Amino acid sequence: MIAALMLVGGYLLGSIPSGLIVSRVYRGVDVRDQGSGKTGFTNTLRSLGLGAAIVVLLADIAKGAAPVLIARAVFDDPWAATLTGVAAVIGHTFPVFANFRGGRGVATAFGALLAIALWPSLWLALAVLVAGGAALAITRYVSVMSMTATAVAFVLIVVSVLVGWLAPHYLLFGAAATLAIELNHLPNMRRLLRGVEPKLGQGGASSAGS
């Protein structure tokens, strides 16, 4: 019963279409008709500008953090936090409130990680930010930043579990979120291999081609 509640609650919170709402409010458009067709920070930045993108980023992080924090407060159970975190990422990627067309789940997964890695493991989230920032500074590819940060996060979750800083239950969150995010970046990987992936500050591919 708890598992069902956590899955449904996390999924519904993750399904709140932040990017779609912001694009409607800012410009009266559907951000999914722009650029890559996704609802996350990067496509919002390219399509609507920095102000709208920051709002989307913060909202997407909150969508991942909120259900995990609620689960930890109400049930005090690592399984509950794990399930809500995974469900929130799935909800963001396949939102029921937006015809199952969402984003790639990076910011939402990071929000869940923040809520999972509360003190004394908050360094884990900070390390992920540093790794992602370094990848972006070196390559200027947001997709490379996202994939690098996700891979680093998974490795650090594994290490944290092995040394006893995190409960082993969170390995499921790390594996599921990593798999979902990396699979969501397959189009980006193909564009990187072809040398046509847009860098930060450049226009994105059309949604039809994504």
N, C-alpha and C. Protein backbone atom coordinates (compact mmCIF):
# COMPACT_ATOMS: atom_id res chain seq x y z
N MET A 1 0.83 -1.20 0.00
CA MET A 1 0.00 0.00 0.00
C MET A 1 0.87 1.26 0.00
N ILE A 2 1.92 1.24 0.85
CA ILE A 2 2.83 2.38 0.91
C ILE A 2 3.54 2.55 -0.43
N ALA A 3 3.96 1.42 -1.01
CA ALA A 3 4.66 1.48 -2.28
C ALA A 3 3.77 2.09 -3.36
N ALA A 4 2.51 1.68 -3.37
CA ALA A 4 1.57 2.21 -4.37
C ALA A 4 1.37 3.71 -4.19
N LEU A 5 1.21 4.13 -2.95
CA LEU A 5 1.03 5.56 -2.67
C LEU A 5 2.24 6.37 -3.09
N MET A 6 3.41 5.84 -2.81
CA MET A 6 4.64 6.56 -3.15
C MET A 6 4.81 6.66 -4.67
N LEU A 7 4.54 5.58 -5.36
CA LEU A 7 4.67 5.59 -6.82
C LEU A 7 3.69 6.56 -7.46
N VAL A 8 2.44 6.49 -7.04
CA VAL A 8 1.42 7.36 -7.62
C VAL A 8 1.69 8.83 -7.27
N GLY A 9 1.97 9.09 -5.99
CA GLY A 9 2.22 10.47 -5.56
C GLY A 9 3.44 11.07 -6.23
N GLY A 10 4.54 10.31 -6.28
CA GLY A 10 5.74 10.80 -6.93
C GLY A 10 5.53 11.04 -8.41
N TYR A 11 4.81 10.12 -9.05
CA TYR A 11 4.55 10.27 -10.48
C TYR A 11 3.70 11.50 -10.77
N LEU A 12 2.66 11.72 -9.98
CA LEU A 12 1.77 12.87 -10.21
C LEU A 12 2.50 14.20 -10.00
N LEU A 13 3.33 14.26 -8.95
CA LEU A 13 4.09 15.49 -8.73
C LEU A 13 5.11 15.70 -9.87
N GLY A 14 5.75 14.62 -10.28
CA GLY A 14 6.70 14.73 -11.39
C GLY A 14 6.03 15.09 -12.69
N SER A 15 4.75 14.78 -12.82
CA SER A 15 4.02 15.03 -14.06
C SER A 15 3.59 16.48 -14.23
N ILE A 16 3.72 17.30 -13.19
CA ILE A 16 3.36 18.71 -13.33
C ILE A 16 4.23 19.32 -14.43
N PRO A 17 3.65 19.76 -15.54
CA PRO A 17 4.43 20.17 -16.72
C PRO A 17 4.98 21.59 -16.59
N SER A 18 6.03 21.75 -15.82
CA SER A 18 6.58 23.08 -15.53
C SER A 18 6.89 23.86 -16.80
N GLY A 19 7.61 23.21 -17.72
CA GLY A 19 8.00 23.89 -18.95
C GLY A 19 6.81 24.32 -19.78
N LEU A 20 5.82 23.47 -19.85
CA LEU A 20 4.62 23.79 -20.62
C LEU A 20 3.87 24.96 -19.98
N ILE A 21 3.73 24.93 -18.66
CA ILE A 21 3.04 26.01 -17.95
C ILE A 21 3.76 27.33 -18.16
N VAL A 22 5.08 27.32 -17.98
CA VAL A 22 5.86 28.55 -18.12
C VAL A 22 5.78 29.09 -19.54
N SER A 23 5.86 28.20 -20.53
CA SER A 23 5.81 28.68 -21.92
C SER A 23 4.45 29.26 -22.25
N ARG A 24 3.39 28.70 -21.67
CA ARG A 24 2.05 29.26 -21.89
C ARG A 24 1.94 30.65 -21.26
N VAL A 25 2.47 30.78 -20.03
CA VAL A 25 2.38 32.05 -19.32
C VAL A 25 3.26 33.11 -19.97
N TYR A 26 4.49 32.74 -20.32
CA TYR A 26 5.44 33.71 -20.86
C TYR A 26 5.08 34.17 -22.27
N ARG A 27 4.77 33.20 -23.14
CA ARG A 27 4.60 33.55 -24.55
C ARG A 27 3.29 33.06 -25.16
N GLY A 28 2.50 32.33 -24.41
CA GLY A 28 1.28 31.77 -24.97
C GLY A 28 1.55 30.70 -26.00
N VAL A 29 2.68 29.97 -25.85
CA VAL A 29 3.05 28.92 -26.80
C VAL A 29 3.27 27.61 -26.06
N ASP A 30 3.41 26.55 -26.83
CA ASP A 30 3.76 25.24 -26.28
C ASP A 30 5.24 25.02 -26.57
N VAL A 31 6.06 24.97 -25.53
CA VAL A 31 7.51 24.85 -25.72
C VAL A 31 7.87 23.56 -26.45
N ARG A 32 6.97 22.59 -26.43
CA ARG A 32 7.23 21.32 -27.12
C ARG A 32 7.17 21.48 -28.63
N ASP A 33 6.61 22.60 -29.11
CA ASP A 33 6.60 22.88 -30.54
C ASP A 33 7.87 23.61 -30.97
N GLN A 34 8.76 23.87 -30.02
CA GLN A 34 9.98 24.61 -30.30
C GLN A 34 11.19 23.68 -30.16
N GLY A 35 12.27 24.03 -30.83
CA GLY A 35 13.55 23.36 -30.61
C GLY A 35 13.49 21.85 -30.58
N SER A 36 13.95 21.27 -29.46
CA SER A 36 14.04 19.81 -29.35
C SER A 36 12.70 19.16 -29.04
N GLY A 37 11.70 19.97 -28.69
CA GLY A 37 10.40 19.41 -28.35
C GLY A 37 10.27 18.97 -26.91
N LYS A 38 11.30 19.23 -26.10
CA LYS A 38 11.27 18.85 -24.69
C LYS A 38 10.81 20.03 -23.83
N THR A 39 10.50 19.73 -22.57
CA THR A 39 9.94 20.76 -21.69
C THR A 39 10.93 21.24 -20.63
N GLY A 40 12.17 20.80 -20.69
CA GLY A 40 13.12 21.12 -19.65
C GLY A 40 13.86 22.43 -19.83
N PHE A 41 14.89 22.62 -19.00
CA PHE A 41 15.65 23.86 -18.94
C PHE A 41 16.26 24.24 -20.29
N THR A 42 16.93 23.29 -20.94
CA THR A 42 17.70 23.62 -22.14
C THR A 42 16.81 24.11 -23.26
N ASN A 43 15.74 23.38 -23.54
CA ASN A 43 14.86 23.80 -24.63
C ASN A 43 14.14 25.10 -24.29
N THR A 44 13.80 25.28 -23.01
CA THR A 44 13.18 26.54 -22.60
C THR A 44 14.15 27.69 -22.77
N LEU A 45 15.41 27.47 -22.43
CA LEU A 45 16.43 28.51 -22.59
C LEU A 45 16.56 28.91 -24.05
N ARG A 46 16.63 27.95 -24.93
CA ARG A 46 16.80 28.24 -26.35
C ARG A 46 15.56 28.87 -26.96
N SER A 47 14.40 28.50 -26.43
CA SER A 47 13.15 28.94 -27.05
C SER A 47 12.58 30.20 -26.42
N LEU A 48 12.75 30.36 -25.08
CA LEU A 48 12.08 31.44 -24.37
C LEU A 48 13.02 32.37 -23.61
N GLY A 49 14.29 32.01 -23.48
CA GLY A 49 15.22 32.88 -22.79
C GLY A 49 15.55 32.44 -21.38
N LEU A 50 16.53 33.13 -20.79
CA LEU A 50 17.08 32.72 -19.50
C LEU A 50 16.08 32.82 -18.36
N GLY A 51 15.28 33.88 -18.32
CA GLY A 51 14.34 34.05 -17.22
C GLY A 51 13.37 32.89 -17.11
N ALA A 52 12.76 32.54 -18.22
CA ALA A 52 11.81 31.42 -18.24
C ALA A 52 12.53 30.11 -17.91
N ALA A 53 13.74 29.95 -18.41
CA ALA A 53 14.49 28.71 -18.20
C ALA A 53 14.82 28.51 -16.72
N ILE A 54 15.18 29.58 -16.02
CA ILE A 54 15.49 29.47 -14.60
C ILE A 54 14.26 29.07 -13.80
N VAL A 55 13.11 29.64 -14.15
CA VAL A 55 11.87 29.26 -13.48
C VAL A 55 11.59 27.77 -13.68
N VAL A 56 11.75 27.30 -14.90
CA VAL A 56 11.53 25.89 -15.20
C VAL A 56 12.52 25.01 -14.44
N LEU A 57 13.78 25.42 -14.43
CA LEU A 57 14.81 24.64 -13.73
C LEU A 57 14.47 24.48 -12.25
N LEU A 58 14.12 25.58 -11.59
CA LEU A 58 13.80 25.52 -10.17
C LEU A 58 12.55 24.67 -9.91
N ALA A 59 11.55 24.82 -10.79
CA ALA A 59 10.33 24.03 -10.63
C ALA A 59 10.59 22.55 -10.82
N ASP A 60 11.43 22.22 -11.80
CA ASP A 60 11.72 20.81 -12.07
C ASP A 60 12.54 20.19 -10.93
N ILE A 61 13.46 20.96 -10.37
CA ILE A 61 14.21 20.47 -9.21
C ILE A 61 13.26 20.23 -8.04
N ALA A 62 12.34 21.17 -7.83
CA ALA A 62 11.37 21.04 -6.73
C ALA A 62 10.49 19.81 -6.92
N LYS A 63 10.14 19.50 -8.18
CA LYS A 63 9.29 18.33 -8.44
C LYS A 63 9.97 17.04 -8.01
N GLY A 64 11.30 17.01 -8.08
CA GLY A 64 12.02 15.82 -7.65
C GLY A 64 12.25 15.80 -6.15
N ALA A 65 12.53 16.98 -5.58
CA ALA A 65 12.84 17.05 -4.15
C ALA A 65 11.60 16.87 -3.28
N ALA A 66 10.49 17.50 -3.67
CA ALA A 66 9.30 17.51 -2.82
C ALA A 66 8.77 16.12 -2.47
N PRO A 67 8.55 15.24 -3.45
CA PRO A 67 8.00 13.93 -3.07
C PRO A 67 8.94 13.11 -2.21
N VAL A 68 10.25 13.24 -2.45
CA VAL A 68 11.21 12.49 -1.62
C VAL A 68 11.21 13.02 -0.19
N LEU A 69 11.19 14.34 -0.04
CA LEU A 69 11.16 14.92 1.30
C LEU A 69 9.88 14.53 2.04
N ILE A 70 8.76 14.53 1.32
CA ILE A 70 7.50 14.13 1.94
C ILE A 70 7.57 12.68 2.39
N ALA A 71 8.10 11.83 1.52
CA ALA A 71 8.21 10.41 1.86
C ALA A 71 9.11 10.18 3.06
N ARG A 72 10.23 10.92 3.12
CA ARG A 72 11.14 10.76 4.25
C ARG A 72 10.51 11.25 5.55
N ALA A 73 9.72 12.31 5.45
CA ALA A 73 9.10 12.87 6.64
C ALA A 73 7.94 12.01 7.15
N VAL A 74 7.14 11.50 6.22
CA VAL A 74 5.94 10.76 6.61
C VAL A 74 6.24 9.32 6.99
N PHE A 75 7.08 8.66 6.18
CA PHE A 75 7.30 7.23 6.37
C PHE A 75 8.66 6.89 6.97
N ASP A 76 9.62 7.81 6.88
CA ASP A 76 10.96 7.55 7.40
C ASP A 76 11.47 6.19 6.92
N ASP A 77 11.33 5.96 5.62
CA ASP A 77 11.66 4.67 5.04
C ASP A 77 12.43 4.90 3.74
N PRO A 78 13.66 4.38 3.61
CA PRO A 78 14.41 4.58 2.38
C PRO A 78 13.70 4.07 1.13
N TRP A 79 12.92 2.99 1.30
CA TRP A 79 12.19 2.47 0.14
C TRP A 79 11.17 3.48 -0.35
N ALA A 80 10.49 4.14 0.58
CA ALA A 80 9.49 5.13 0.19
C ALA A 80 10.15 6.29 -0.55
N ALA A 81 11.27 6.77 -0.04
CA ALA A 81 11.99 7.86 -0.70
C ALA A 81 12.49 7.44 -2.07
N THR A 82 12.99 6.22 -2.16
CA THR A 82 13.49 5.70 -3.44
C THR A 82 12.39 5.64 -4.48
N LEU A 83 11.27 5.07 -4.11
CA LEU A 83 10.17 4.91 -5.05
C LEU A 83 9.62 6.25 -5.52
N THR A 84 9.48 7.21 -4.60
CA THR A 84 8.96 8.51 -5.01
C THR A 84 9.94 9.22 -5.94
N GLY A 85 11.24 9.08 -5.67
CA GLY A 85 12.23 9.70 -6.54
C GLY A 85 12.20 9.14 -7.95
N VAL A 86 12.14 7.82 -8.06
CA VAL A 86 12.06 7.18 -9.37
C VAL A 86 10.77 7.58 -10.08
N ALA A 87 9.67 7.57 -9.35
CA ALA A 87 8.38 7.90 -9.95
C ALA A 87 8.34 9.34 -10.43
N ALA A 88 8.97 10.25 -9.69
CA ALA A 88 8.99 11.66 -10.11
C ALA A 88 9.74 11.84 -11.42
N VAL A 89 10.85 11.13 -11.57
CA VAL A 89 11.62 11.21 -12.83
C VAL A 89 10.79 10.66 -13.99
N ILE A 90 10.11 9.55 -13.76
CA ILE A 90 9.25 8.98 -14.80
C ILE A 90 8.12 9.94 -15.13
N GLY A 91 7.54 10.56 -14.10
CA GLY A 91 6.46 11.51 -14.33
C GLY A 91 6.91 12.70 -15.15
N HIS A 92 8.11 13.20 -14.87
CA HIS A 92 8.62 14.33 -15.64
C HIS A 92 8.84 13.94 -17.10
N THR A 93 9.32 12.73 -17.32
CA THR A 93 9.61 12.28 -18.69
C THR A 93 8.33 11.95 -19.45
N PHE A 94 7.39 11.33 -18.76
CA PHE A 94 6.11 10.94 -19.39
C PHE A 94 4.95 11.49 -18.56
N PRO A 95 4.72 12.81 -18.60
CA PRO A 95 3.73 13.44 -17.73
C PRO A 95 2.30 13.17 -18.17
N VAL A 96 1.49 12.68 -17.25
CA VAL A 96 0.10 12.40 -17.56
C VAL A 96 -0.67 13.68 -17.85
N PHE A 97 -0.21 14.80 -17.31
CA PHE A 97 -0.90 16.07 -17.51
C PHE A 97 -0.49 16.78 -18.79
N ALA A 98 0.40 16.19 -19.56
CA ALA A 98 0.87 16.83 -20.80
C ALA A 98 1.02 15.82 -21.92
N ASN A 99 0.04 14.91 -22.00
CA ASN A 99 0.01 13.91 -23.07
C ASN A 99 1.29 13.08 -23.15
N PHE A 100 1.91 12.87 -21.98
CA PHE A 100 3.09 12.01 -21.85
C PHE A 100 4.29 12.51 -22.66
N ARG A 101 4.34 13.82 -22.90
CA ARG A 101 5.48 14.44 -23.60
C ARG A 101 6.15 15.44 -22.67
N GLY A 102 7.25 15.02 -22.07
CA GLY A 102 7.91 15.86 -21.08
C GLY A 102 9.36 16.15 -21.41
N GLY A 103 10.20 16.08 -20.39
CA GLY A 103 11.62 16.39 -20.56
C GLY A 103 12.47 15.16 -20.37
N ARG A 104 13.76 15.39 -20.17
CA ARG A 104 14.70 14.27 -20.05
C ARG A 104 14.95 13.85 -18.61
N GLY A 105 14.46 14.60 -17.65
CA GLY A 105 14.50 14.17 -16.26
C GLY A 105 15.72 14.57 -15.46
N VAL A 106 16.62 15.35 -16.03
CA VAL A 106 17.88 15.66 -15.34
C VAL A 106 17.65 16.49 -14.09
N ALA A 107 16.96 17.62 -14.23
CA ALA A 107 16.74 18.50 -13.08
C ALA A 107 15.88 17.83 -12.02
N THR A 108 14.88 17.07 -12.44
CA THR A 108 14.01 16.38 -11.47
C THR A 108 14.80 15.32 -10.71
N ALA A 109 15.65 14.59 -11.41
CA ALA A 109 16.49 13.60 -10.75
C ALA A 109 17.46 14.27 -9.78
N PHE A 110 17.99 15.42 -10.17
CA PHE A 110 18.89 16.14 -9.26
C PHE A 110 18.15 16.60 -8.01
N GLY A 111 16.92 17.06 -8.18
CA GLY A 111 16.12 17.44 -7.02
C GLY A 111 15.90 16.28 -6.08
N ALA A 112 15.60 15.11 -6.64
CA ALA A 112 15.43 13.92 -5.80
C ALA A 112 16.74 13.56 -5.10
N LEU A 113 17.85 13.70 -5.83
CA LEU A 113 19.16 13.41 -5.23
C LEU A 113 19.45 14.36 -4.07
N LEU A 114 19.12 15.63 -4.24
CA LEU A 114 19.30 16.59 -3.15
C LEU A 114 18.54 16.15 -1.90
N ALA A 115 17.31 15.71 -2.09
CA ALA A 115 16.48 15.30 -0.96
C ALA A 115 16.99 13.99 -0.34
N ILE A 116 17.55 13.12 -1.18
CA ILE A 116 18.10 11.86 -0.67
C ILE A 116 19.40 12.10 0.08
N ALA A 117 20.24 12.97 -0.49
CA ALA A 117 21.58 13.18 0.06
C ALA A 117 21.63 14.34 1.04
N LEU A 118 20.63 14.46 1.89
CA LEU A 118 20.67 15.48 2.94
C LEU A 118 21.85 15.23 3.86
N TRP A 119 22.25 16.25 4.57
CA TRP A 119 23.39 16.14 5.47
C TRP A 119 23.35 14.82 6.23
N PRO A 120 24.48 14.02 6.29
CA PRO A 120 25.85 14.44 5.98
C PRO A 120 26.33 14.11 4.56
N SER A 121 25.44 13.79 3.66
CA SER A 121 25.86 13.39 2.32
C SER A 121 25.59 14.45 1.26
N LEU A 122 25.36 15.69 1.68
CA LEU A 122 25.06 16.75 0.73
C LEU A 122 26.23 17.02 -0.22
N TRP A 123 27.44 16.64 0.20
CA TRP A 123 28.60 16.80 -0.67
C TRP A 123 28.40 16.07 -1.99
N LEU A 124 27.61 14.99 -1.96
CA LEU A 124 27.38 14.20 -3.16
C LEU A 124 26.73 15.06 -4.24
N ALA A 125 25.70 15.80 -3.87
CA ALA A 125 25.02 16.66 -4.83
C ALA A 125 25.94 17.78 -5.31
N LEU A 126 26.76 18.31 -4.41
CA LEU A 126 27.70 19.36 -4.79
C LEU A 126 28.74 18.83 -5.77
N ALA A 127 29.19 17.61 -5.55
CA ALA A 127 30.17 17.00 -6.45
C ALA A 127 29.58 16.80 -7.84
N VAL A 128 28.31 16.44 -7.89
CA VAL A 128 27.63 16.27 -9.18
C VAL A 128 27.56 17.61 -9.91
N LEU A 129 27.25 18.68 -9.19
CA LEU A 129 27.21 20.01 -9.80
C LEU A 129 28.58 20.39 -10.36
N VAL A 130 29.63 20.13 -9.61
CA VAL A 130 30.98 20.46 -10.07
C VAL A 130 31.33 19.67 -11.33
N ALA A 131 31.02 18.37 -11.33
CA ALA A 131 31.32 17.54 -12.49
C ALA A 131 30.55 18.00 -13.72
N GLY A 132 29.28 18.30 -13.55
CA GLY A 132 28.48 18.78 -14.67
C GLY A 132 28.97 20.12 -15.17
N GLY A 133 29.29 21.03 -14.23
CA GLY A 133 29.79 22.34 -14.63
C GLY A 133 31.10 22.25 -15.38
N ALA A 134 31.98 21.36 -14.95
CA ALA A 134 33.25 21.18 -15.64
C ALA A 134 33.04 20.65 -17.06
N ALA A 135 32.13 19.69 -17.20
CA ALA A 135 31.84 19.13 -18.53
C ALA A 135 31.27 20.20 -19.46
N LEU A 136 30.41 21.06 -18.93
CA LEU A 136 29.83 22.13 -19.74
C LEU A 136 30.90 23.15 -20.12
N ALA A 137 31.77 23.51 -19.17
CA ALA A 137 32.81 24.49 -19.45
C ALA A 137 33.78 24.00 -20.51
N ILE A 138 34.07 22.71 -20.50
CA ILE A 138 35.04 22.15 -21.44
C ILE A 138 34.42 21.96 -22.82
N THR A 139 33.19 21.46 -22.88
CA THR A 139 32.60 21.08 -24.17
C THR A 139 31.57 22.07 -24.70
N ARG A 140 30.91 22.81 -23.80
CA ARG A 140 29.81 23.71 -24.13
C ARG A 140 28.58 22.96 -24.65
N TYR A 141 28.54 21.66 -24.41
CA TYR A 141 27.36 20.86 -24.75
C TYR A 141 26.56 20.60 -23.48
N VAL A 142 25.32 21.07 -23.45
CA VAL A 142 24.48 20.81 -22.28
C VAL A 142 24.20 19.32 -22.14
N SER A 143 24.06 18.64 -23.25
CA SER A 143 23.79 17.19 -23.19
C SER A 143 24.97 16.44 -22.57
N VAL A 144 26.19 16.84 -22.89
CA VAL A 144 27.37 16.21 -22.30
C VAL A 144 27.40 16.50 -20.80
N MET A 145 27.07 17.72 -20.42
CA MET A 145 26.99 18.06 -19.01
C MET A 145 25.99 17.15 -18.29
N SER A 146 24.81 16.98 -18.87
CA SER A 146 23.77 16.17 -18.24
C SER A 146 24.18 14.71 -18.12
N MET A 147 24.73 14.16 -19.19
CA MET A 147 25.12 12.75 -19.16
C MET A 147 26.30 12.52 -18.22
N THR A 148 27.24 13.46 -18.20
CA THR A 148 28.39 13.33 -17.30
C THR A 148 27.96 13.42 -15.85
N ALA A 149 27.14 14.42 -15.53
CA ALA A 149 26.67 14.58 -14.16
C ALA A 149 25.88 13.37 -13.69
N THR A 150 25.08 12.81 -14.59
CA THR A 150 24.28 11.64 -14.23
C THR A 150 25.17 10.44 -13.93
N ALA A 151 26.18 10.22 -14.78
CA ALA A 151 27.09 9.09 -14.56
C ALA A 151 27.87 9.27 -13.26
N VAL A 152 28.35 10.48 -13.01
CA VAL A 152 29.08 10.75 -11.77
C VAL A 152 28.19 10.53 -10.56
N ALA A 153 26.94 10.98 -10.66
CA ALA A 153 26.00 10.79 -9.55
C ALA A 153 25.82 9.32 -9.22
N PHE A 154 25.69 8.49 -10.24
CA PHE A 154 25.50 7.06 -10.00
C PHE A 154 26.72 6.45 -9.31
N VAL A 155 27.91 6.80 -9.80
CA VAL A 155 29.13 6.29 -9.19
C VAL A 155 29.22 6.71 -7.73
N LEU A 156 28.90 7.96 -7.44
CA LEU A 156 28.98 8.46 -6.07
C LEU A 156 27.92 7.82 -5.17
N ILE A 157 26.75 7.53 -5.73
CA ILE A 157 25.74 6.82 -4.94
C ILE A 157 26.24 5.44 -4.57
N VAL A 158 26.84 4.74 -5.53
CA VAL A 158 27.39 3.41 -5.26
C VAL A 158 28.45 3.49 -4.17
N VAL A 159 29.37 4.45 -4.30
CA VAL A 159 30.43 4.61 -3.30
C VAL A 159 29.84 4.93 -1.94
N SER A 160 28.84 5.82 -1.91
CA SER A 160 28.22 6.21 -0.64
C SER A 160 27.53 5.04 0.03
N VAL A 161 26.92 4.17 -0.75
CA VAL A 161 26.28 2.98 -0.19
C VAL A 161 27.34 2.02 0.35
N LEU A 162 28.43 1.84 -0.40
CA LEU A 162 29.47 0.90 0.02
C LEU A 162 30.14 1.32 1.33
N VAL A 163 30.29 2.62 1.54
CA VAL A 163 30.95 3.08 2.77
C VAL A 163 29.94 3.37 3.88
N GLY A 164 28.64 3.19 3.60
CA GLY A 164 27.64 3.33 4.64
C GLY A 164 27.06 4.70 4.83
N TRP A 165 27.30 5.62 3.89
CA TRP A 165 26.74 6.97 4.00
C TRP A 165 25.29 7.03 3.54
N LEU A 166 24.91 6.14 2.64
CA LEU A 166 23.53 6.07 2.16
C LEU A 166 23.02 4.65 2.32
N ALA A 167 21.71 4.54 2.51
CA ALA A 167 21.09 3.22 2.60
C ALA A 167 21.17 2.52 1.24
N PRO A 168 21.36 1.21 1.22
CA PRO A 168 21.48 0.49 -0.05
C PRO A 168 20.24 0.60 -0.94
N HIS A 169 19.10 0.96 -0.36
CA HIS A 169 17.88 1.11 -1.13
C HIS A 169 18.05 2.14 -2.26
N TYR A 170 18.91 3.13 -2.01
CA TYR A 170 19.06 4.22 -2.98
C TYR A 170 19.82 3.81 -4.24
N LEU A 171 20.39 2.60 -4.22
CA LEU A 171 21.00 2.09 -5.45
C LEU A 171 19.94 1.95 -6.55
N LEU A 172 18.72 1.58 -6.15
CA LEU A 172 17.64 1.46 -7.13
C LEU A 172 17.35 2.81 -7.76
N PHE A 173 17.30 3.86 -6.94
CA PHE A 173 17.07 5.19 -7.50
C PHE A 173 18.20 5.55 -8.46
N GLY A 174 19.43 5.35 -8.04
CA GLY A 174 20.56 5.70 -8.89
C GLY A 174 20.54 4.97 -10.22
N ALA A 175 20.28 3.67 -10.17
CA ALA A 175 20.28 2.87 -11.40
C ALA A 175 19.12 3.27 -12.31
N ALA A 176 17.92 3.42 -11.73
CA ALA A 176 16.74 3.74 -12.54
C ALA A 176 16.84 5.13 -13.15
N ALA A 177 17.25 6.11 -12.35
CA ALA A 177 17.36 7.48 -12.86
C ALA A 177 18.44 7.58 -13.93
N THR A 178 19.57 6.91 -13.69
CA THR A 178 20.66 6.95 -14.66
C THR A 178 20.22 6.32 -15.98
N LEU A 179 19.58 5.16 -15.90
CA LEU A 179 19.13 4.49 -17.12
C LEU A 179 18.14 5.36 -17.88
N ALA A 180 17.18 5.95 -17.17
CA ALA A 180 16.16 6.78 -17.83
C ALA A 180 16.80 7.99 -18.50
N ILE A 181 17.68 8.68 -17.80
CA ILE A 181 18.28 9.90 -18.34
C ILE A 181 19.19 9.59 -19.52
N GLU A 182 20.01 8.56 -19.40
CA GLU A 182 20.92 8.24 -20.51
C GLU A 182 20.13 7.80 -21.75
N LEU A 183 19.07 7.02 -21.55
CA LEU A 183 18.24 6.62 -22.69
C LEU A 183 17.56 7.83 -23.32
N ASN A 184 17.13 8.77 -22.49
CA ASN A 184 16.50 9.98 -23.01
C ASN A 184 17.47 10.84 -23.81
N HIS A 185 18.76 10.60 -23.64
CA HIS A 185 19.77 11.38 -24.37
C HIS A 185 20.31 10.65 -25.61
N LEU A 186 19.69 9.56 -25.99
CA LEU A 186 20.13 8.85 -27.19
C LEU A 186 20.13 9.74 -28.44
N PRO A 187 19.08 10.57 -28.66
CA PRO A 187 19.14 11.47 -29.82
C PRO A 187 20.32 12.43 -29.75
N ASN A 188 20.63 12.90 -28.55
CA ASN A 188 21.78 13.79 -28.38
C ASN A 188 23.08 13.07 -28.71
N MET A 189 23.18 11.81 -28.26
CA MET A 189 24.37 11.03 -28.55
C MET A 189 24.57 10.88 -30.05
N ARG A 190 23.47 10.62 -30.75
CA ARG A 190 23.58 10.46 -32.21
C ARG A 190 24.01 11.76 -32.87
N ARG A 191 23.47 12.89 -32.39
CA ARG A 191 23.87 14.18 -32.96
C ARG A 191 25.32 14.51 -32.63
N LEU A 192 25.77 14.13 -31.45
CA LEU A 192 27.17 14.35 -31.09
C LEU A 192 28.09 13.56 -32.01
N LEU A 193 27.70 12.32 -32.30
CA LEU A 193 28.52 11.50 -33.18
C LEU A 193 28.55 12.06 -34.60
N ARG A 194 27.45 12.70 -35.01
CA ARG A 194 27.39 13.29 -36.35
C ARG A 194 27.99 14.69 -36.39
N GLY A 195 28.28 15.24 -35.21
CA GLY A 195 28.85 16.58 -35.13
C GLY A 195 27.85 17.68 -35.36
N VAL A 196 26.56 17.41 -35.10
CA VAL A 196 25.52 18.42 -35.34
C VAL A 196 24.78 18.80 -34.06
N GLU A 197 25.26 18.34 -32.90
CA GLU A 197 24.62 18.72 -31.64
C GLU A 197 24.90 20.20 -31.36
N PRO A 198 23.86 21.02 -31.12
CA PRO A 198 24.09 22.44 -30.84
C PRO A 198 24.75 22.65 -29.48
N LYS A 199 25.67 23.59 -29.43
CA LYS A 199 26.31 23.94 -28.18
C LYS A 199 25.48 24.98 -27.45
N LEU A 200 25.85 25.24 -26.20
CA LEU A 200 25.15 26.25 -25.41
C LEU A 200 25.21 27.59 -26.12
N GLY A 201 24.04 28.23 -26.29
CA GLY A 201 23.98 29.50 -26.99
C GLY A 201 23.60 29.38 -28.44
N GLN A 202 23.60 28.15 -28.97
CA GLN A 202 23.20 27.93 -30.34
C GLN A 202 21.77 27.44 -30.38
N GLY A 203 21.13 27.57 -31.52
CA GLY A 203 19.76 27.08 -31.68
C GLY A 203 19.71 25.56 -31.65
N GLY A 204 18.57 25.02 -31.27
CA GLY A 204 18.41 23.59 -31.22
C GLY A 204 17.85 23.02 -32.49
N ALA A 205 17.87 21.70 -32.58
CA ALA A 205 17.27 21.02 -33.71
C ALA A 205 15.75 21.16 -33.64
N SER A 206 15.10 21.02 -34.77
CA SER A 206 13.64 21.11 -34.76
C SER A 206 13.06 19.93 -34.03
N SER A 207 11.90 20.13 -33.45
CA SER A 207 11.28 19.05 -32.68
C SER A 207 10.98 17.85 -33.56
N ALA A 208 10.71 18.09 -34.82
CA ALA A 208 10.42 16.98 -35.71
C ALA A 208 11.63 16.10 -35.91
N GLY A 209 12.80 16.68 -35.79
CA GLY A 209 14.01 15.91 -36.01
C GLY A 209 14.59 15.33 -34.75
N SER A 210 13.91 15.45 -33.66
CA SER A 210 14.43 14.98 -32.38
C SER A 210 13.77 13.68 -31.97
